[in-house]
Amino acid sequence: MATVNELEITAPDDFHLHVRDGDMLKAVLPHTARLFQRAIIMPNLVPPVSTLQLAQEYRKRVVDAVPAGATFEPLMTLYLTHKTTPEMIREAAAEGTVKAVKWYPAGATTNSGDGVKETEMESVLPTLTAMAEVGMPLLCHGESTDQSVDMFDREATWVRQVLRPL
């Protein structure tokens, strides 16, 4: 058996991209499109990208910011809120623009105020069930919102207290 000494990635993907919107989007996207073929676009804008229509509109703005001649595919996500319904998930999955749903625990990071707290996940169980049924991935922002936890320990605490019990 031959030993492989190198690996060439011909078209890398970015699996966590914040391009924001407006001028920031226009400044960031050309650099991203030069280096990556696809990217999972984070939905934590104000207001959050929480519906299929908002995802379609945001995707258009992203695509419009891609330089001419570049090959770049934005993989859109929805922001999980208490208003995200199973029907919204089914509609988004059937339409095809949305590739995943992003969960931000409320208060964990930039623009996460509309998120679902770790202690409230049971309230979105029907939505999570619909996601499983249609094969829609849940992308987790794994960070504890407990203010008594040191900021450098919040990810490890989230894994211990939230992820492992699931």
N, C-alpha and C. Protein backbone atom coordinates (compact mmCIF):
# COMPACT_ATOMS: atom_id res chain seq x y z
N MET A 1 0.83 -1.18 0.00
CA MET A 1 0.00 0.00 0.00
C MET A 1 0.89 1.25 0.00
N ALA A 2 0.60 2.18 -0.88
CA ALA A 2 1.39 3.41 -0.99
C ALA A 2 1.02 4.39 0.13
N THR A 3 1.98 5.13 0.57
CA THR A 3 1.75 6.16 1.58
C THR A 3 1.44 7.47 0.89
N VAL A 4 0.38 8.12 1.32
CA VAL A 4 0.01 9.42 0.76
C VAL A 4 0.71 10.49 1.59
N ASN A 5 1.46 11.35 0.92
CA ASN A 5 2.21 12.38 1.61
C ASN A 5 1.59 13.77 1.51
N GLU A 6 0.62 13.91 0.64
CA GLU A 6 -0.02 15.20 0.51
C GLU A 6 -1.48 15.04 0.10
N LEU A 7 -2.24 16.05 0.39
CA LEU A 7 -3.65 16.10 0.06
C LEU A 7 -3.92 17.45 -0.58
N GLU A 8 -4.50 17.44 -1.75
CA GLU A 8 -4.82 18.69 -2.43
C GLU A 8 -6.31 18.92 -2.37
N ILE A 9 -6.69 20.02 -1.78
CA ILE A 9 -8.10 20.41 -1.72
C ILE A 9 -8.32 21.39 -2.86
N THR A 10 -9.05 20.94 -3.86
CA THR A 10 -9.20 21.75 -5.07
C THR A 10 -10.29 22.81 -4.96
N ALA A 11 -11.27 22.58 -4.11
CA ALA A 11 -12.37 23.53 -3.98
C ALA A 11 -12.88 23.50 -2.54
N PRO A 12 -12.22 24.21 -1.63
CA PRO A 12 -12.62 24.15 -0.22
C PRO A 12 -13.95 24.85 0.04
N ASP A 13 -14.59 24.43 1.13
CA ASP A 13 -15.83 25.04 1.61
C ASP A 13 -15.55 25.70 2.95
N ASP A 14 -16.31 26.75 3.26
CA ASP A 14 -16.26 27.39 4.57
C ASP A 14 -17.55 27.00 5.27
N PHE A 15 -17.44 26.27 6.37
CA PHE A 15 -18.63 25.76 7.04
C PHE A 15 -19.17 26.66 8.13
N HIS A 16 -18.69 27.89 8.20
CA HIS A 16 -19.20 28.83 9.21
C HIS A 16 -18.79 30.23 8.79
N LEU A 17 -19.63 30.88 8.01
CA LEU A 17 -19.26 32.19 7.47
C LEU A 17 -20.26 33.27 7.88
N HIS A 18 -19.73 34.32 8.48
CA HIS A 18 -20.50 35.52 8.79
C HIS A 18 -20.13 36.58 7.77
N VAL A 19 -21.04 36.90 6.89
CA VAL A 19 -20.79 37.97 5.92
C VAL A 19 -21.59 39.22 6.28
N ARG A 20 -22.47 39.09 7.27
CA ARG A 20 -23.34 40.18 7.71
C ARG A 20 -24.16 40.69 6.53
N ASP A 21 -24.26 42.01 6.37
CA ASP A 21 -25.12 42.56 5.33
C ASP A 21 -24.60 43.92 4.91
N GLY A 22 -25.19 44.50 3.90
CA GLY A 22 -24.84 45.84 3.47
C GLY A 22 -23.38 45.97 3.07
N ASP A 23 -22.72 47.03 3.55
CA ASP A 23 -21.34 47.30 3.18
C ASP A 23 -20.39 46.19 3.63
N MET A 24 -20.64 45.60 4.80
CA MET A 24 -19.79 44.52 5.29
C MET A 24 -19.88 43.31 4.35
N LEU A 25 -21.08 42.97 3.93
CA LEU A 25 -21.28 41.87 2.99
C LEU A 25 -20.48 42.12 1.71
N LYS A 26 -20.60 43.32 1.18
CA LYS A 26 -19.91 43.67 -0.07
C LYS A 26 -18.39 43.66 0.10
N ALA A 27 -17.92 43.91 1.31
CA ALA A 27 -16.47 43.91 1.56
C ALA A 27 -15.93 42.50 1.75
N VAL A 28 -16.70 41.63 2.39
CA VAL A 28 -16.24 40.29 2.75
C VAL A 28 -16.40 39.28 1.61
N LEU A 29 -17.51 39.32 0.91
CA LEU A 29 -17.81 38.28 -0.07
C LEU A 29 -16.78 38.10 -1.18
N PRO A 30 -16.20 39.16 -1.74
CA PRO A 30 -15.19 38.94 -2.78
C PRO A 30 -14.00 38.11 -2.29
N HIS A 31 -13.57 38.33 -1.05
CA HIS A 31 -12.45 37.56 -0.50
C HIS A 31 -12.85 36.10 -0.32
N THR A 32 -14.04 35.88 0.20
CA THR A 32 -14.54 34.52 0.40
C THR A 32 -14.67 33.79 -0.93
N ALA A 33 -15.27 34.44 -1.91
CA ALA A 33 -15.50 33.81 -3.22
C ALA A 33 -14.19 33.48 -3.93
N ARG A 34 -13.14 34.21 -3.61
CA ARG A 34 -11.84 33.95 -4.22
C ARG A 34 -11.21 32.68 -3.64
N LEU A 35 -11.52 32.38 -2.37
CA LEU A 35 -10.88 31.26 -1.69
C LEU A 35 -11.74 30.01 -1.55
N PHE A 36 -13.05 30.18 -1.55
CA PHE A 36 -13.95 29.06 -1.28
C PHE A 36 -14.97 28.91 -2.40
N GLN A 37 -15.40 27.66 -2.61
CA GLN A 37 -16.42 27.40 -3.62
C GLN A 37 -17.82 27.53 -3.03
N ARG A 38 -17.96 27.12 -1.76
CA ARG A 38 -19.26 27.21 -1.08
C ARG A 38 -19.01 27.66 0.36
N ALA A 39 -20.09 28.16 0.99
CA ALA A 39 -20.00 28.52 2.40
C ALA A 39 -21.38 28.43 3.04
N ILE A 40 -21.40 27.97 4.29
CA ILE A 40 -22.63 27.99 5.07
C ILE A 40 -22.75 29.39 5.66
N ILE A 41 -23.79 30.09 5.26
CA ILE A 41 -23.99 31.48 5.63
C ILE A 41 -24.77 31.55 6.94
N MET A 42 -24.17 32.20 7.94
CA MET A 42 -24.80 32.31 9.26
C MET A 42 -25.95 33.33 9.21
N PRO A 43 -27.06 33.01 9.92
CA PRO A 43 -28.27 33.81 9.82
C PRO A 43 -28.48 34.85 10.91
N ASN A 44 -27.46 35.11 11.75
CA ASN A 44 -27.71 35.99 12.89
C ASN A 44 -27.53 37.47 12.54
N LEU A 45 -28.46 37.92 11.70
CA LEU A 45 -28.56 39.34 11.35
C LEU A 45 -29.62 39.97 12.24
N VAL A 46 -29.83 41.27 12.07
CA VAL A 46 -30.92 41.97 12.74
C VAL A 46 -31.79 42.56 11.64
N PRO A 47 -33.02 42.07 11.46
CA PRO A 47 -33.63 40.92 12.13
C PRO A 47 -33.00 39.61 11.65
N PRO A 48 -33.17 38.54 12.43
CA PRO A 48 -32.57 37.26 12.05
C PRO A 48 -33.21 36.69 10.79
N VAL A 49 -32.43 35.89 10.06
CA VAL A 49 -32.91 35.20 8.87
C VAL A 49 -33.66 33.97 9.37
N SER A 50 -34.95 34.14 9.62
CA SER A 50 -35.73 33.11 10.30
C SER A 50 -36.87 32.52 9.49
N THR A 51 -37.03 32.97 8.25
CA THR A 51 -38.07 32.43 7.38
C THR A 51 -37.47 32.13 6.01
N LEU A 52 -38.16 31.32 5.24
CA LEU A 52 -37.72 31.02 3.89
C LEU A 52 -37.60 32.30 3.06
N GLN A 53 -38.58 33.16 3.16
CA GLN A 53 -38.53 34.41 2.39
C GLN A 53 -37.30 35.23 2.74
N LEU A 54 -37.01 35.37 4.05
CA LEU A 54 -35.83 36.13 4.44
C LEU A 54 -34.54 35.46 3.94
N ALA A 55 -34.51 34.13 3.95
CA ALA A 55 -33.34 33.40 3.45
C ALA A 55 -33.17 33.62 1.94
N GLN A 56 -34.27 33.61 1.21
CA GLN A 56 -34.21 33.85 -0.23
C GLN A 56 -33.71 35.27 -0.53
N GLU A 57 -34.21 36.24 0.22
CA GLU A 57 -33.80 37.62 0.02
C GLU A 57 -32.33 37.82 0.38
N TYR A 58 -31.91 37.21 1.49
CA TYR A 58 -30.51 37.31 1.90
C TYR A 58 -29.60 36.62 0.89
N ARG A 59 -30.02 35.47 0.40
CA ARG A 59 -29.23 34.75 -0.61
C ARG A 59 -29.03 35.63 -1.85
N LYS A 60 -30.06 36.34 -2.27
CA LYS A 60 -29.94 37.21 -3.43
C LYS A 60 -28.89 38.30 -3.17
N ARG A 61 -28.90 38.88 -1.97
CA ARG A 61 -27.90 39.91 -1.65
C ARG A 61 -26.50 39.32 -1.64
N VAL A 62 -26.37 38.09 -1.13
CA VAL A 62 -25.07 37.42 -1.12
C VAL A 62 -24.60 37.17 -2.54
N VAL A 63 -25.46 36.59 -3.36
CA VAL A 63 -25.10 36.28 -4.74
C VAL A 63 -24.75 37.56 -5.51
N ASP A 64 -25.49 38.63 -5.26
CA ASP A 64 -25.22 39.90 -5.94
C ASP A 64 -23.85 40.47 -5.57
N ALA A 65 -23.31 40.08 -4.41
CA ALA A 65 -22.00 40.58 -3.97
C ALA A 65 -20.83 39.73 -4.47
N VAL A 66 -21.14 38.59 -5.11
CA VAL A 66 -20.08 37.73 -5.64
C VAL A 66 -19.51 38.39 -6.89
N PRO A 67 -18.18 38.51 -6.97
CA PRO A 67 -17.57 39.14 -8.15
C PRO A 67 -17.87 38.37 -9.44
N ALA A 68 -17.94 39.08 -10.53
CA ALA A 68 -18.16 38.46 -11.84
C ALA A 68 -17.06 37.43 -12.09
N GLY A 69 -17.47 36.29 -12.62
CA GLY A 69 -16.53 35.23 -12.96
C GLY A 69 -16.21 34.27 -11.82
N ALA A 70 -16.60 34.61 -10.61
CA ALA A 70 -16.34 33.73 -9.46
C ALA A 70 -17.40 32.64 -9.39
N THR A 71 -16.98 31.47 -8.96
CA THR A 71 -17.92 30.37 -8.74
C THR A 71 -18.07 30.21 -7.24
N PHE A 72 -19.22 30.60 -6.73
CA PHE A 72 -19.45 30.56 -5.29
C PHE A 72 -20.91 30.25 -5.03
N GLU A 73 -21.17 29.29 -4.15
CA GLU A 73 -22.54 28.92 -3.80
C GLU A 73 -22.78 29.16 -2.31
N PRO A 74 -23.68 30.10 -1.98
CA PRO A 74 -24.03 30.30 -0.58
C PRO A 74 -25.00 29.21 -0.13
N LEU A 75 -24.69 28.57 0.98
CA LEU A 75 -25.57 27.55 1.57
C LEU A 75 -26.30 28.23 2.72
N MET A 76 -27.57 28.49 2.52
CA MET A 76 -28.32 29.33 3.44
C MET A 76 -28.85 28.54 4.64
N THR A 77 -28.97 29.25 5.77
CA THR A 77 -29.48 28.67 7.00
C THR A 77 -30.61 29.53 7.55
N LEU A 78 -31.46 28.91 8.34
CA LEU A 78 -32.47 29.63 9.09
C LEU A 78 -32.01 29.73 10.54
N TYR A 79 -32.42 30.78 11.20
CA TYR A 79 -32.14 31.02 12.61
C TYR A 79 -33.29 30.40 13.41
N LEU A 80 -32.98 29.46 14.30
CA LEU A 80 -34.01 28.81 15.12
C LEU A 80 -34.53 29.77 16.18
N THR A 81 -35.84 30.03 16.14
CA THR A 81 -36.50 30.86 17.14
C THR A 81 -37.71 30.10 17.67
N HIS A 82 -38.37 30.69 18.65
CA HIS A 82 -39.60 30.08 19.16
C HIS A 82 -40.71 30.13 18.11
N LYS A 83 -40.54 30.96 17.09
CA LYS A 83 -41.55 31.09 16.03
C LYS A 83 -41.29 30.14 14.85
N THR A 84 -40.18 29.39 14.88
CA THR A 84 -39.88 28.46 13.79
C THR A 84 -40.79 27.24 13.94
N THR A 85 -41.63 27.02 12.95
CA THR A 85 -42.61 25.94 13.04
C THR A 85 -42.19 24.75 12.18
N PRO A 86 -42.76 23.58 12.46
CA PRO A 86 -42.51 22.42 11.59
C PRO A 86 -42.89 22.69 10.13
N GLU A 87 -43.95 23.45 9.92
CA GLU A 87 -44.38 23.77 8.56
C GLU A 87 -43.33 24.61 7.85
N MET A 88 -42.72 25.54 8.56
CA MET A 88 -41.67 26.37 7.97
C MET A 88 -40.48 25.50 7.55
N ILE A 89 -40.16 24.52 8.36
CA ILE A 89 -39.05 23.62 8.06
C ILE A 89 -39.37 22.79 6.82
N ARG A 90 -40.58 22.24 6.78
CA ARG A 90 -40.97 21.42 5.62
C ARG A 90 -40.96 22.25 4.33
N GLU A 91 -41.47 23.47 4.41
CA GLU A 91 -41.49 24.36 3.25
C GLU A 91 -40.07 24.69 2.79
N ALA A 92 -39.20 25.01 3.73
CA ALA A 92 -37.82 25.36 3.40
C ALA A 92 -37.09 24.17 2.79
N ALA A 93 -37.29 22.99 3.35
CA ALA A 93 -36.64 21.79 2.82
C ALA A 93 -37.12 21.48 1.41
N ALA A 94 -38.41 21.62 1.17
CA ALA A 94 -38.97 21.32 -0.15
C ALA A 94 -38.50 22.31 -1.21
N GLU A 95 -38.35 23.57 -0.82
CA GLU A 95 -37.95 24.62 -1.77
C GLU A 95 -36.47 24.52 -2.13
N GLY A 96 -35.62 24.18 -1.16
CA GLY A 96 -34.22 23.90 -1.45
C GLY A 96 -33.20 24.98 -1.16
N THR A 97 -33.61 26.21 -0.93
CA THR A 97 -32.64 27.28 -0.66
C THR A 97 -31.94 27.06 0.67
N VAL A 98 -32.70 26.66 1.68
CA VAL A 98 -32.17 26.49 3.04
C VAL A 98 -31.58 25.09 3.19
N LYS A 99 -30.35 25.04 3.66
CA LYS A 99 -29.63 23.77 3.82
C LYS A 99 -29.56 23.29 5.26
N ALA A 100 -29.78 24.20 6.23
CA ALA A 100 -29.66 23.84 7.65
C ALA A 100 -30.34 24.91 8.50
N VAL A 101 -30.46 24.60 9.78
CA VAL A 101 -31.00 25.55 10.76
C VAL A 101 -29.93 25.77 11.81
N LYS A 102 -29.72 27.02 12.18
CA LYS A 102 -28.70 27.37 13.18
C LYS A 102 -29.37 27.69 14.50
N TRP A 103 -28.88 27.05 15.57
CA TRP A 103 -29.38 27.32 16.92
C TRP A 103 -28.37 28.16 17.68
N TYR A 104 -28.81 29.34 18.08
CA TYR A 104 -28.03 30.21 18.96
C TYR A 104 -28.76 30.25 20.30
N PRO A 105 -28.15 29.78 21.38
CA PRO A 105 -28.79 29.98 22.68
C PRO A 105 -28.93 31.49 22.93
N ALA A 106 -30.10 31.91 23.35
CA ALA A 106 -30.37 33.33 23.55
C ALA A 106 -29.31 33.96 24.45
N GLY A 107 -28.69 35.01 23.95
CA GLY A 107 -27.69 35.74 24.71
C GLY A 107 -26.27 35.20 24.62
N ALA A 108 -26.04 34.17 23.80
CA ALA A 108 -24.73 33.53 23.75
C ALA A 108 -23.71 34.29 22.91
N THR A 109 -24.17 35.00 21.87
CA THR A 109 -23.22 35.61 20.94
C THR A 109 -23.88 36.80 20.24
N THR A 110 -23.20 37.38 19.29
CA THR A 110 -23.69 38.53 18.55
C THR A 110 -25.05 38.22 17.92
N ASN A 111 -26.00 39.11 18.14
CA ASN A 111 -27.35 39.01 17.55
C ASN A 111 -28.05 37.69 17.88
N SER A 112 -27.89 37.21 19.11
CA SER A 112 -28.53 35.95 19.50
C SER A 112 -29.74 36.16 20.41
N GLY A 113 -30.20 37.38 20.54
CA GLY A 113 -31.32 37.67 21.42
C GLY A 113 -32.61 36.97 21.06
N ASP A 114 -32.78 36.60 19.79
CA ASP A 114 -33.99 35.91 19.35
C ASP A 114 -33.87 34.39 19.46
N GLY A 115 -32.75 33.91 19.98
CA GLY A 115 -32.51 32.47 20.06
C GLY A 115 -33.34 31.78 21.13
N VAL A 116 -33.18 30.47 21.17
CA VAL A 116 -33.88 29.62 22.12
C VAL A 116 -32.88 29.23 23.21
N LYS A 117 -33.23 29.52 24.45
CA LYS A 117 -32.34 29.18 25.57
C LYS A 117 -32.17 27.67 25.68
N GLU A 118 -31.04 27.28 26.26
CA GLU A 118 -30.77 25.85 26.46
C GLU A 118 -31.88 25.18 27.26
N THR A 119 -32.45 25.92 28.19
CA THR A 119 -33.50 25.37 29.06
C THR A 119 -34.87 25.35 28.39
N GLU A 120 -34.96 25.86 27.16
CA GLU A 120 -36.25 25.95 26.46
C GLU A 120 -36.33 25.04 25.22
N MET A 121 -35.38 24.15 25.06
CA MET A 121 -35.34 23.33 23.84
C MET A 121 -36.58 22.45 23.68
N GLU A 122 -37.18 22.06 24.79
CA GLU A 122 -38.38 21.23 24.69
C GLU A 122 -39.50 21.96 23.93
N SER A 123 -39.52 23.29 24.03
CA SER A 123 -40.57 24.06 23.36
C SER A 123 -40.45 24.02 21.84
N VAL A 124 -39.26 23.69 21.31
CA VAL A 124 -39.08 23.62 19.86
C VAL A 124 -38.94 22.17 19.39
N LEU A 125 -39.28 21.22 20.25
CA LEU A 125 -39.16 19.81 19.89
C LEU A 125 -39.95 19.45 18.62
N PRO A 126 -41.17 19.95 18.43
CA PRO A 126 -41.87 19.64 17.17
C PRO A 126 -41.10 20.12 15.93
N THR A 127 -40.45 21.26 16.04
CA THR A 127 -39.65 21.79 14.93
C THR A 127 -38.42 20.91 14.71
N LEU A 128 -37.75 20.50 15.78
CA LEU A 128 -36.59 19.63 15.66
C LEU A 128 -36.99 18.27 15.07
N THR A 129 -38.16 17.79 15.44
CA THR A 129 -38.66 16.53 14.89
C THR A 129 -38.88 16.65 13.38
N ALA A 130 -39.47 17.77 12.96
CA ALA A 130 -39.69 18.00 11.52
C ALA A 130 -38.35 18.08 10.79
N MET A 131 -37.36 18.70 11.42
CA MET A 131 -36.04 18.77 10.81
C MET A 131 -35.47 17.37 10.59
N ALA A 132 -35.62 16.51 11.60
CA ALA A 132 -35.13 15.13 11.47
C ALA A 132 -35.86 14.40 10.35
N GLU A 133 -37.16 14.63 10.25
CA GLU A 133 -37.96 13.95 9.23
C GLU A 133 -37.56 14.32 7.81
N VAL A 134 -37.17 15.59 7.61
CA VAL A 134 -36.81 16.03 6.25
C VAL A 134 -35.30 16.03 6.02
N GLY A 135 -34.51 15.63 7.03
CA GLY A 135 -33.06 15.59 6.88
C GLY A 135 -32.39 16.95 6.93
N MET A 136 -32.98 17.87 7.66
CA MET A 136 -32.42 19.23 7.79
C MET A 136 -31.49 19.27 9.00
N PRO A 137 -30.18 19.51 8.80
CA PRO A 137 -29.25 19.55 9.93
C PRO A 137 -29.50 20.71 10.89
N LEU A 138 -29.22 20.47 12.17
CA LEU A 138 -29.22 21.51 13.19
C LEU A 138 -27.77 21.86 13.46
N LEU A 139 -27.40 23.10 13.20
CA LEU A 139 -26.05 23.59 13.47
C LEU A 139 -26.09 24.32 14.81
N CYS A 140 -25.27 23.91 15.75
CA CYS A 140 -25.34 24.44 17.11
C CYS A 140 -24.24 25.44 17.40
N HIS A 141 -24.61 26.56 17.98
CA HIS A 141 -23.63 27.48 18.56
C HIS A 141 -23.45 26.99 19.99
N GLY A 142 -22.42 26.24 20.22
CA GLY A 142 -22.21 25.57 21.51
C GLY A 142 -21.49 26.44 22.51
N GLU A 143 -22.25 27.25 23.22
CA GLU A 143 -21.65 28.14 24.22
C GLU A 143 -22.66 28.36 25.34
N SER A 144 -22.23 28.11 26.56
CA SER A 144 -23.09 28.32 27.72
C SER A 144 -23.43 29.79 27.86
N THR A 145 -24.66 30.07 28.27
CA THR A 145 -25.07 31.45 28.52
C THR A 145 -25.02 31.78 30.01
N ASP A 146 -24.56 30.84 30.82
CA ASP A 146 -24.44 31.05 32.27
C ASP A 146 -23.34 32.07 32.53
N GLN A 147 -23.72 33.24 33.00
CA GLN A 147 -22.76 34.33 33.20
C GLN A 147 -21.74 34.04 34.30
N SER A 148 -22.01 33.04 35.13
CA SER A 148 -21.05 32.69 36.18
C SER A 148 -19.91 31.83 35.64
N VAL A 149 -20.05 31.34 34.40
CA VAL A 149 -19.01 30.51 33.78
C VAL A 149 -18.00 31.43 33.11
N ASP A 150 -16.72 31.20 33.37
CA ASP A 150 -15.66 31.98 32.75
C ASP A 150 -15.80 31.92 31.23
N MET A 151 -15.57 33.03 30.56
CA MET A 151 -15.78 33.09 29.10
C MET A 151 -14.94 32.07 28.35
N PHE A 152 -13.81 31.67 28.90
CA PHE A 152 -12.97 30.67 28.23
C PHE A 152 -13.43 29.24 28.48
N ASP A 153 -14.40 29.07 29.35
CA ASP A 153 -14.92 27.74 29.67
C ASP A 153 -16.33 27.52 29.14
N ARG A 154 -16.90 28.48 28.46
CA ARG A 154 -18.31 28.40 28.05
C ARG A 154 -18.59 27.30 27.04
N GLU A 155 -17.67 27.04 26.13
CA GLU A 155 -17.90 25.96 25.15
C GLU A 155 -17.82 24.60 25.82
N ALA A 156 -16.81 24.38 26.66
CA ALA A 156 -16.68 23.10 27.36
C ALA A 156 -17.86 22.88 28.29
N THR A 157 -18.32 23.92 28.94
CA THR A 157 -19.48 23.81 29.83
C THR A 157 -20.72 23.45 29.04
N TRP A 158 -20.90 24.05 27.86
CA TRP A 158 -22.05 23.73 27.01
C TRP A 158 -22.03 22.25 26.62
N VAL A 159 -20.87 21.74 26.27
CA VAL A 159 -20.76 20.33 25.90
C VAL A 159 -21.17 19.44 27.07
N ARG A 160 -20.68 19.76 28.26
CA ARG A 160 -21.00 18.95 29.45
C ARG A 160 -22.48 19.07 29.86
N GLN A 161 -22.99 20.26 29.86
CA GLN A 161 -24.33 20.50 30.42
C GLN A 161 -25.47 20.39 29.41
N VAL A 162 -25.19 20.59 28.14
CA VAL A 162 -26.26 20.60 27.13
C VAL A 162 -26.11 19.44 26.14
N LEU A 163 -24.98 19.33 25.52
CA LEU A 163 -24.80 18.35 24.45
C LEU A 163 -24.80 16.91 24.97
N ARG A 164 -23.98 16.64 25.97
CA ARG A 164 -23.91 15.26 26.47
C ARG A 164 -25.25 14.72 26.94
N PRO A 165 -26.05 15.50 27.68
CA PRO A 165 -27.35 14.97 28.12
C PRO A 165 -28.32 14.66 26.96
N LEU A 166 -28.13 15.30 25.82
CA LEU A 166 -29.01 15.02 24.68
C LEU A 166 -28.79 13.60 24.20
